[in-house]
Amino acid sequence: MTSYLKSRAPTGAFDFFTYSELIYWVIFCVAINPFRWKWAPFVFLGIGSALPKDIVYREDQIRNGLDDSSVSEIPRIIRLLTQSQPSTQRATVETYFTPSASFTHPFCRTGSFEGSRWLIWCIYRWYKILSPRIDFDIGGVAFDEKNLTLYVNIHQVFRIWVIPFYNAPVSFVTVLKLVRYPPLPPQPSYSTPINPNDAQNGTIYKASSEKPLFYIQSQKDLYQVNEFFKFFSQFGILSGLLLLWQFLSTAICVVGALVFWPVSWVEQNVIGGNKERSIGDAVIG
């Protein structure tokens, strides 16, 4: 349509010669495309170019996956999974998780099979429906590059909107098992597969100068027992009972270590530490 309107125009292809043409451009190039709304202040007023450029950069990161230097991006990814609107939440799951990714939590488990990523999106969607407002803080992120594993320490306040005054301030560790695309070392004599998720299937790739990307193959949320109890005990009753039990268990450990000190003496002086022989073998000789 633009080519037809400009075919008889007295000006060049990039010049406006009537107000109607300018209005047409604003409507069909900016107004009807939500992805260009971020440029509206710059288009109309000539200000604010830094913000839309930053948004474009973030969008590219979502589309391109998690690269080798993006461990610092983990808090942003978690925020997108837990605090964003449904479409962004789903796009984040589909971008960073492999199609056969698994999710393990004290309350639910998906297993790993082709298409299990959809179950992960459903879990995050229900999680957001139950708790529309989620406050969280990242206590730390550690990357075990050798084993391609991320450890994320998270503190969150979980609320259920249908239960007045309900909140569960919990701390837990999320373990993210990653797969690398392309895998290392590269193989120069083979073709690159179309789907980057084939990295987990043992497919051989050609050498590439591109930075490696990481995709989440599994997520495990690990809670201490006292943290898990906070979901069920609003006034700390269960957590308090568990605390007493933990101190009692410590006292039992102290008594056991003192009463059975001869076992420690035999292990130290006869067996010689953590060896193959047992105390029974030492007594028999």
Protein backbone atom coordinates (compact mmCIF):
# COMPACT_ATOMS: atom_id res chain seq x y z
CA MET A 1 0.00 0.00 0.00
CA THR A 2 2.84 2.37 0.83
CA SER A 3 4.45 1.75 -2.57
CA TYR A 4 1.17 2.51 -4.33
CA LEU A 5 0.64 5.76 -2.41
CA LYS A 6 4.21 6.91 -3.08
CA SER A 7 4.23 5.93 -6.76
CA ARG A 8 2.75 9.31 -7.87
CA ALA A 9 4.18 11.40 -5.05
CA PRO A 10 6.11 14.56 -6.01
CA THR A 11 8.72 13.86 -3.30
CA GLY A 12 11.19 11.12 -2.54
CA ALA A 13 10.38 7.79 -0.96
CA PHE A 14 11.29 8.95 2.55
CA ASP A 15 9.66 12.42 2.42
CA PHE A 16 6.17 13.34 3.60
CA PHE A 17 4.26 15.78 1.39
CA THR A 18 0.81 15.80 3.12
CA TYR A 19 -0.45 15.62 6.66
CA SER A 20 -2.67 12.68 5.67
CA GLU A 21 0.40 10.70 4.66
CA LEU A 22 2.07 11.50 7.96
CA ILE A 23 -1.04 10.40 9.87
CA TYR A 24 -1.18 7.24 7.77
CA TRP A 25 2.44 6.45 8.68
CA VAL A 26 1.84 7.03 12.39
CA ILE A 27 -1.23 4.77 12.41
CA PHE A 28 0.04 1.89 10.30
CA CYS A 29 3.69 1.93 11.37
CA VAL A 30 3.44 2.82 15.06
CA ALA A 31 -0.07 2.76 16.52
CA ILE A 32 -1.17 -0.72 15.39
CA ASN A 33 2.12 -2.41 16.34
CA PRO A 34 2.51 -2.77 20.14
CA PHE A 35 6.20 -3.58 19.76
CA ARG A 36 6.77 -0.05 18.39
CA TRP A 37 4.86 1.80 21.11
CA LYS A 38 8.07 2.15 23.09
CA TRP A 39 9.34 4.44 20.32
CA ALA A 40 6.29 6.77 20.47
CA PRO A 41 7.89 9.49 22.69
CA PHE A 42 10.91 9.54 20.42
CA VAL A 43 8.79 9.66 17.24
CA PHE A 44 6.49 12.46 18.42
CA LEU A 45 8.79 14.47 20.66
CA GLY A 46 12.30 13.44 19.68
CA ILE A 47 13.19 12.40 23.24
CA GLY A 48 13.70 9.17 25.16
CA SER A 49 15.68 7.05 22.72
CA ALA A 50 17.73 5.34 25.46
CA LEU A 51 14.76 3.54 27.04
CA PRO A 52 13.41 1.87 23.87
CA LYS A 53 16.96 0.87 22.89
CA ASP A 54 17.35 -0.80 26.28
CA ILE A 55 14.01 -2.58 25.82
CA VAL A 56 15.12 -3.82 22.39
CA TYR A 57 18.34 -5.10 23.95
CA ARG A 58 16.34 -7.00 26.59
CA GLU A 59 14.03 -8.43 23.95
CA ASP A 60 17.02 -9.67 21.98
CA GLN A 61 18.36 -11.36 25.10
CA ILE A 62 15.05 -13.17 25.61
CA ARG A 63 15.00 -14.30 21.98
CA ASN A 64 18.65 -15.37 21.90
CA GLY A 65 18.86 -17.41 25.09
CA LEU A 66 21.29 -17.34 28.01
CA ASP A 67 24.87 -16.87 26.88
CA ASP A 68 28.20 -17.61 28.53
CA SER A 69 28.42 -14.27 30.33
CA SER A 70 24.81 -13.95 31.40
CA VAL A 71 24.85 -15.54 34.87
CA SER A 72 24.10 -12.04 36.13
CA GLU A 73 20.90 -12.18 34.07
CA ILE A 74 19.45 -14.95 36.25
CA PRO A 75 17.63 -12.52 38.62
CA ARG A 76 15.96 -10.89 35.61
CA ILE A 77 14.92 -14.27 34.21
CA ILE A 78 13.43 -15.29 37.56
CA ARG A 79 11.59 -11.99 37.69
CA LEU A 80 10.15 -12.62 34.22
CA LEU A 81 9.00 -16.08 35.30
CA THR A 82 7.33 -14.93 38.51
CA GLN A 83 6.28 -11.31 38.05
CA SER A 84 5.51 -10.77 34.35
CA GLN A 85 2.30 -10.92 32.34
CA PRO A 86 1.19 -14.30 30.88
CA SER A 87 2.57 -13.80 27.36
CA THR A 88 6.00 -12.72 28.63
CA GLN A 89 6.00 -15.54 31.18
CA ARG A 90 5.32 -18.13 28.49
CA ALA A 91 7.90 -16.62 26.12
CA THR A 92 10.50 -16.81 28.90
CA VAL A 93 9.78 -20.50 29.56
CA GLU A 94 9.91 -21.32 25.85
CA THR A 95 13.14 -19.36 25.39
CA TYR A 96 15.23 -20.61 28.31
CA PHE A 97 13.91 -24.15 28.93
CA THR A 98 14.48 -27.08 26.58
CA PRO A 99 11.32 -28.82 25.25
CA SER A 100 12.00 -31.82 27.51
CA ALA A 101 12.92 -29.79 30.60
CA SER A 102 11.82 -31.08 34.00
CA PHE A 103 10.64 -29.26 37.13
CA THR A 104 10.84 -30.64 40.66
CA HIS A 105 9.31 -28.97 43.72
CA PRO A 106 8.05 -30.31 47.08
CA PHE A 107 4.50 -29.76 45.80
CA CYS A 108 4.78 -30.90 42.17
CA ARG A 109 6.91 -32.70 39.60
CA THR A 110 6.76 -32.85 35.80
CA GLY A 111 9.27 -35.50 34.78
CA SER A 112 11.23 -35.15 31.55
CA PHE A 113 9.73 -35.96 28.16
CA GLU A 114 9.22 -34.20 24.84
CA GLY A 115 6.79 -31.39 25.52
CA SER A 116 7.18 -31.37 29.32
CA ARG A 117 8.14 -27.68 29.07
CA TRP A 118 4.42 -26.91 28.64
CA LEU A 119 3.78 -28.33 32.12
CA ILE A 120 6.42 -25.98 33.52
CA TRP A 121 4.63 -23.03 31.99
CA CYS A 122 1.35 -24.24 33.55
CA ILE A 123 3.03 -24.48 36.97
CA TYR A 124 4.39 -20.94 36.74
CA ARG A 125 1.03 -19.69 35.46
CA TRP A 126 -0.88 -21.24 38.39
CA TYR A 127 1.82 -19.98 40.76
CA LYS A 128 1.22 -16.43 39.48
CA ILE A 129 -2.58 -16.83 39.65
CA LEU A 130 -2.39 -17.96 43.28
CA SER A 131 0.02 -15.20 44.22
CA PRO A 132 -0.34 -12.19 41.89
CA ARG A 133 2.14 -10.23 43.98
CA ILE A 134 5.39 -12.05 44.72
CA ASP A 135 8.30 -10.40 46.48
CA PHE A 136 11.67 -12.07 46.18
CA ASP A 137 15.36 -11.39 46.60
CA ILE A 138 18.34 -13.22 45.12
CA GLY A 139 20.82 -14.05 47.87
CA GLY A 140 23.47 -15.30 45.48
CA VAL A 141 24.18 -17.13 42.22
CA ALA A 142 26.93 -19.72 41.74
CA PHE A 143 27.82 -21.34 38.42
CA ASP A 144 29.54 -24.72 38.33
CA GLU A 145 30.82 -24.51 34.77
CA LYS A 146 32.35 -27.99 34.79
CA ASN A 147 29.01 -29.64 35.57
CA LEU A 148 26.88 -26.94 33.87
CA THR A 149 24.87 -26.32 37.03
CA LEU A 150 23.55 -23.07 38.46
CA TYR A 151 22.77 -22.66 42.16
CA VAL A 152 20.48 -19.76 43.05
CA ASN A 153 19.72 -18.78 46.65
CA ILE A 154 16.25 -17.21 46.75
CA HIS A 155 14.26 -15.49 49.50
CA GLN A 156 10.60 -14.99 48.64
CA VAL A 157 7.32 -13.98 50.25
CA PHE A 158 4.51 -16.13 48.88
CA ARG A 159 0.93 -14.88 49.31
CA ILE A 160 -2.38 -16.49 48.35
CA TRP A 161 -4.87 -13.78 47.44
CA VAL A 162 -7.98 -15.79 48.45
CA ILE A 163 -6.66 -16.29 52.02
CA PRO A 164 -6.56 -13.00 53.96
CA PHE A 165 -3.31 -12.21 55.77
CA TYR A 166 -1.62 -15.34 54.39
CA ASN A 167 2.08 -15.01 53.65
CA ALA A 168 4.95 -17.46 53.65
CA PRO A 169 8.44 -15.90 53.83
CA VAL A 170 10.66 -18.78 52.75
CA SER A 171 14.24 -19.32 51.62
CA PHE A 172 15.33 -22.07 49.27
CA VAL A 173 17.96 -23.04 46.72
CA THR A 174 17.08 -23.56 43.07
CA VAL A 175 19.37 -25.93 41.17
CA LEU A 176 19.33 -25.38 37.40
CA LYS A 177 20.91 -28.07 35.25
CA LEU A 178 21.98 -26.59 31.91
CA VAL A 179 22.83 -27.87 28.45
CA ARG A 180 25.21 -26.02 26.19
CA TYR A 181 24.60 -25.06 22.58
CA PRO A 182 26.78 -25.67 20.70
CA PRO A 183 28.42 -28.39 22.82
CA LEU A 184 32.16 -28.35 23.33
CA PRO A 185 34.47 -29.27 21.71
CA PRO A 186 33.03 -28.36 18.27
CA GLN A 187 33.27 -30.78 15.37
CA PRO A 188 34.08 -28.95 12.08
CA SER A 189 33.07 -31.72 9.65
CA TYR A 190 29.38 -31.97 10.47
CA SER A 191 26.39 -29.75 9.86
CA THR A 192 24.64 -27.73 12.54
CA PRO A 193 21.11 -28.92 13.42
CA ILE A 194 18.23 -26.49 13.06
CA ASN A 195 16.94 -26.94 16.61
CA PRO A 196 19.37 -25.79 19.33
CA ASN A 197 17.71 -28.17 21.78
CA ASP A 198 19.32 -31.08 19.90
CA ALA A 199 22.38 -30.28 22.00
CA GLN A 200 21.02 -32.62 24.66
CA ASN A 201 20.55 -35.48 22.18
CA GLY A 202 24.21 -35.96 21.33
CA THR A 203 24.05 -34.30 17.91
CA ILE A 204 27.43 -33.23 16.51
CA TYR A 205 27.84 -29.59 15.48
CA LYS A 206 30.19 -27.78 13.18
CA ALA A 207 32.72 -25.34 14.56
CA SER A 208 31.31 -21.92 15.28
CA SER A 209 32.73 -18.62 16.44
CA GLU A 210 29.47 -17.75 18.17
CA LYS A 211 29.34 -17.55 21.95
CA PRO A 212 27.85 -20.70 23.54
CA LEU A 213 24.30 -20.50 24.82
CA PHE A 214 22.87 -22.35 27.80
CA TYR A 215 19.37 -23.76 28.13
CA ILE A 216 17.71 -25.08 31.29
CA GLN A 217 17.28 -28.86 31.21
CA SER A 218 15.97 -29.24 34.76
CA GLN A 219 14.95 -27.10 37.72
CA LYS A 220 14.90 -28.38 41.29
CA ASP A 221 13.68 -26.23 44.18
CA LEU A 222 15.27 -27.42 47.43
CA TYR A 223 13.70 -26.40 50.75
CA GLN A 224 14.85 -27.05 54.29
CA VAL A 225 12.12 -28.79 56.28
CA ASN A 226 11.52 -25.74 58.47
CA GLU A 227 11.13 -23.56 55.36
CA PHE A 228 8.69 -26.03 53.83
CA PHE A 229 6.57 -25.96 57.02
CA LYS A 230 6.11 -22.21 56.62
CA PHE A 231 3.65 -22.87 53.80
CA PHE A 232 1.32 -24.60 56.29
CA SER A 233 1.94 -22.74 59.55
CA GLN A 234 1.00 -19.07 59.50
CA PHE A 235 1.97 -18.33 63.07
CA GLY A 236 5.15 -20.39 63.17
CA ILE A 237 3.70 -23.21 65.29
CA LEU A 238 5.01 -26.05 63.13
CA SER A 239 8.31 -24.25 62.59
CA GLY A 240 8.65 -23.78 66.35
CA LEU A 241 8.01 -27.48 67.03
CA LEU A 242 10.53 -28.41 64.34
CA LEU A 243 13.08 -26.06 65.91
CA LEU A 244 12.65 -27.79 69.28
CA TRP A 245 13.03 -31.17 67.60
CA GLN A 246 16.24 -30.05 65.88
CA PHE A 247 17.77 -28.90 69.17
CA LEU A 248 16.67 -32.19 70.78
CA SER A 249 18.33 -34.12 67.96
CA THR A 250 21.54 -32.15 68.53
CA ALA A 251 21.41 -33.07 72.24
CA ILE A 252 20.96 -36.75 71.29
CA CYS A 253 24.01 -36.50 69.01
CA VAL A 254 26.09 -35.06 71.87
CA VAL A 255 24.98 -37.81 74.29
CA GLY A 256 25.62 -40.50 71.69
CA ALA A 257 29.11 -39.18 70.91
CA LEU A 258 30.02 -39.15 74.64
CA VAL A 259 28.50 -42.50 75.57
CA PHE A 260 29.98 -44.35 72.60
CA TRP A 261 33.43 -42.76 72.78
CA PRO A 262 35.10 -46.24 72.81
CA VAL A 263 33.87 -46.70 69.22
CA SER A 264 35.71 -43.51 68.24
CA TRP A 265 38.84 -44.70 70.09
CA VAL A 266 38.83 -48.03 68.23
CA GLU A 267 38.27 -46.31 64.89
CA GLN A 268 41.15 -43.91 65.53
CA ASN A 269 43.71 -46.28 67.08
CA VAL A 270 42.89 -49.72 65.69
CA ILE A 271 41.20 -49.24 62.33
CA GLY A 272 42.96 -46.01 61.42
CA GLY A 273 40.24 -43.71 60.20
CA ASN A 274 37.90 -44.28 57.29
CA LYS A 275 39.26 -47.59 56.02
CA GLU A 276 37.68 -50.65 54.46
CA ARG A 277 37.82 -52.60 57.72
CA SER A 278 34.91 -52.45 60.14
CA ILE A 279 35.01 -52.38 63.93
CA GLY A 280 33.93 -56.05 63.92
CA ASP A 281 36.96 -56.95 61.77
CA ALA A 282 39.22 -55.05 64.16
CA VAL A 283 37.82 -56.92 67.21
CA ILE A 284 38.21 -60.31 65.48
CA GLY A 285 41.74 -59.33 64.56
